[in-house]
Amino acid sequence: AAGRPVSTIFEEDGEPAFRALEESVLGQVAAYVRLVVATGGGVVTTQSNWASLRQGIVVWLDAPVDVLAARLSADGERAKRPLLAGGDDLVASLEETLAKRSELYAQSDIRVSLGGDESPSDVADRVIDDAIAFIKANPPKSAPPPE
């Protein structure tokens, strides 16, 4: 939406500007249906984002910290994450971030706990199965009958 990498937005404009942009984009896509929106983990830190997120089903892909650290250490991925780019101890940074956000993540409709060895296809299948179960357990409210 900004035409710049996240790290550049953080560096040039700061985290508050990034969060404002994130909130704006999320608010715009919330109006669409039949849409999957993959967000960054920080999206839950802004209360107003929850109104947009609640337009659909919120899924938390909960991977162990060591798995996240391994993924972020590969191919320069860590440098793309400004809140994790600094410091030497990636695992400690991830644990600290998770501690701050876990209560927010727990508000998700679905939590898919991952072991780290699942293929993307297997994770997608689990999300679909859990989403179907969630919808069955929480059917949409029907519209009132016309008068």
Protein backbone atom coordinates (compact mmCIF):
# COMPACT_ATOMS: atom_id res chain seq x y z
CA ALA A 1 0.00 0.00 0.00
CA ALA A 2 2.88 2.36 0.74
CA GLY A 3 5.10 1.15 -2.07
CA ARG A 4 7.97 0.69 0.40
CA PRO A 5 9.22 -2.24 2.46
CA VAL A 6 8.05 -2.39 6.07
CA SER A 7 11.61 -1.89 7.29
CA THR A 8 11.85 1.36 5.31
CA ILE A 9 8.56 2.65 6.73
CA PHE A 10 9.77 1.89 10.26
CA GLU A 11 13.14 3.52 9.60
CA GLU A 12 11.84 6.66 7.89
CA ASP A 13 8.47 7.19 9.54
CA GLY A 14 8.51 5.11 12.72
CA GLU A 15 6.30 2.36 14.10
CA PRO A 16 3.28 4.63 14.79
CA ALA A 17 3.12 5.60 11.09
CA PHE A 18 3.35 1.94 10.09
CA ARG A 19 0.57 0.98 12.52
CA ALA A 20 -1.64 3.78 11.16
CA LEU A 21 -1.08 2.52 7.61
CA GLU A 22 -1.72 -1.05 8.71
CA GLU A 23 -4.98 0.03 10.39
CA SER A 24 -6.09 1.91 7.27
CA VAL A 25 -5.43 -1.00 4.93
CA LEU A 26 -7.07 -3.50 7.27
CA GLY A 27 -10.13 -1.27 7.53
CA GLN A 28 -10.37 -1.15 3.74
CA VAL A 29 -10.10 -4.91 3.19
CA ALA A 30 -12.54 -5.67 6.03
CA ALA A 31 -15.39 -4.72 3.70
CA TYR A 32 -14.62 -7.62 1.36
CA VAL A 33 -16.03 -11.13 1.70
CA ARG A 34 -14.51 -14.49 0.86
CA LEU A 35 -11.06 -13.15 1.47
CA VAL A 36 -8.03 -14.37 3.39
CA VAL A 37 -5.96 -11.60 4.94
CA ALA A 38 -2.55 -12.57 6.27
CA THR A 39 -1.38 -9.98 8.77
CA GLY A 40 1.76 -9.45 10.76
CA GLY A 41 1.71 -10.39 14.43
CA GLY A 42 1.58 -6.78 15.57
CA VAL A 43 -1.83 -6.15 14.03
CA VAL A 44 -3.45 -7.31 17.29
CA THR A 45 -1.78 -4.54 19.29
CA THR A 46 -4.15 -1.88 17.95
CA GLN A 47 -7.61 -2.18 19.51
CA SER A 48 -9.37 -0.66 16.50
CA ASN A 49 -7.95 -3.41 14.30
CA TRP A 50 -10.02 -5.96 16.18
CA ALA A 51 -13.23 -4.47 14.77
CA SER A 52 -11.88 -5.09 11.28
CA LEU A 53 -10.52 -8.53 12.15
CA ARG A 54 -13.89 -9.55 13.62
CA GLN A 55 -15.50 -9.12 10.20
CA GLY A 56 -14.20 -12.62 9.60
CA ILE A 57 -12.65 -15.54 11.43
CA VAL A 58 -9.36 -14.77 13.17
CA VAL A 59 -6.80 -17.59 13.07
CA TRP A 60 -3.65 -17.70 15.19
CA LEU A 61 -0.91 -19.88 13.70
CA ASP A 62 0.94 -20.67 16.92
CA ALA A 63 4.44 -21.93 16.18
CA PRO A 64 7.10 -22.62 18.82
CA VAL A 65 9.65 -19.86 19.36
CA ASP A 66 12.54 -22.03 18.20
CA VAL A 67 10.74 -22.71 14.91
CA LEU A 68 10.06 -19.00 14.41
CA ALA A 69 13.70 -18.21 15.16
CA ALA A 70 14.91 -20.76 12.62
CA ARG A 71 12.58 -19.38 9.94
CA LEU A 72 13.61 -15.80 10.66
CA SER A 73 17.30 -16.68 10.56
CA ALA A 74 17.00 -18.03 7.03
CA ASP A 75 17.46 -15.87 3.93
CA GLY A 76 17.59 -12.50 5.68
CA GLU A 77 14.01 -12.73 6.93
CA ARG A 78 14.92 -11.17 10.27
CA ALA A 79 16.06 -7.96 8.58
CA LYS A 80 12.53 -7.58 7.15
CA ARG A 81 11.11 -7.48 10.70
CA PRO A 82 12.09 -4.12 12.22
CA LEU A 83 11.02 -5.01 15.76
CA LEU A 84 13.30 -8.06 15.66
CA ALA A 85 16.17 -6.68 13.59
CA GLY A 86 18.14 -5.28 16.52
CA GLY A 87 19.76 -7.21 19.30
CA ASP A 88 21.75 -10.38 19.35
CA ASP A 89 19.36 -12.84 20.96
CA LEU A 90 16.54 -13.54 18.52
CA VAL A 91 14.96 -16.21 20.73
CA ALA A 92 14.82 -13.81 23.69
CA SER A 93 13.29 -11.10 21.48
CA LEU A 94 10.66 -13.52 20.20
CA GLU A 95 9.86 -14.75 23.70
CA GLU A 96 9.49 -11.16 24.93
CA THR A 97 7.23 -10.25 22.00
CA LEU A 98 5.10 -13.36 22.52
CA ALA A 99 4.79 -12.62 26.23
CA LYS A 100 3.49 -9.13 25.43
CA ARG A 101 1.05 -10.33 22.77
CA SER A 102 -0.08 -13.80 23.85
CA GLU A 103 -3.16 -12.50 25.65
CA LEU A 104 -4.15 -10.68 22.47
CA TYR A 105 -3.44 -13.68 20.25
CA ALA A 106 -5.61 -15.78 22.56
CA GLN A 107 -8.61 -13.70 21.48
CA SER A 108 -8.44 -15.38 18.07
CA ASP A 109 -11.36 -17.53 17.03
CA ILE A 110 -9.10 -20.41 16.10
CA ARG A 111 -5.68 -21.37 17.40
CA VAL A 112 -3.68 -23.78 15.26
CA SER A 113 -0.73 -25.06 17.28
CA LEU A 114 2.15 -25.99 15.02
CA GLY A 115 5.12 -28.22 15.64
CA GLY A 116 7.22 -26.72 12.89
CA ASP A 117 7.51 -29.73 10.62
CA GLU A 118 4.16 -29.32 8.85
CA SER A 119 4.05 -28.47 5.18
CA PRO A 120 2.18 -25.32 4.15
CA SER A 121 -0.46 -27.59 2.61
CA ASP A 122 -0.92 -29.48 5.88
CA VAL A 123 -1.25 -26.21 7.80
CA ALA A 124 -3.81 -24.95 5.29
CA ASP A 125 -5.81 -28.18 5.67
CA ARG A 126 -5.82 -27.79 9.45
CA VAL A 127 -6.95 -24.17 9.18
CA ILE A 128 -9.77 -25.16 6.83
CA ASP A 129 -10.89 -28.02 9.09
CA ASP A 130 -10.81 -25.78 12.16
CA ALA A 131 -12.64 -22.98 10.33
CA ILE A 132 -15.40 -25.36 9.26
CA ALA A 133 -15.73 -26.61 12.83
CA PHE A 134 -15.83 -23.03 14.11
CA ILE A 135 -18.55 -22.04 11.65
CA LYS A 136 -20.63 -25.11 12.55
CA ALA A 137 -20.28 -24.28 16.25
CA ASN A 138 -20.96 -20.56 15.65
CA PRO A 139 -23.39 -20.34 12.72
CA PRO A 140 -24.02 -16.89 11.28
CA LYS A 141 -27.02 -15.17 12.74
CA SER A 142 -29.86 -15.28 10.28
CA ALA A 143 -31.59 -12.14 9.23
CA PRO A 144 -34.96 -11.50 10.86
CA PRO A 145 -37.91 -12.52 8.71
CA PRO A 146 -39.39 -9.73 6.62
CA GLU A 147 -42.44 -8.07 8.11
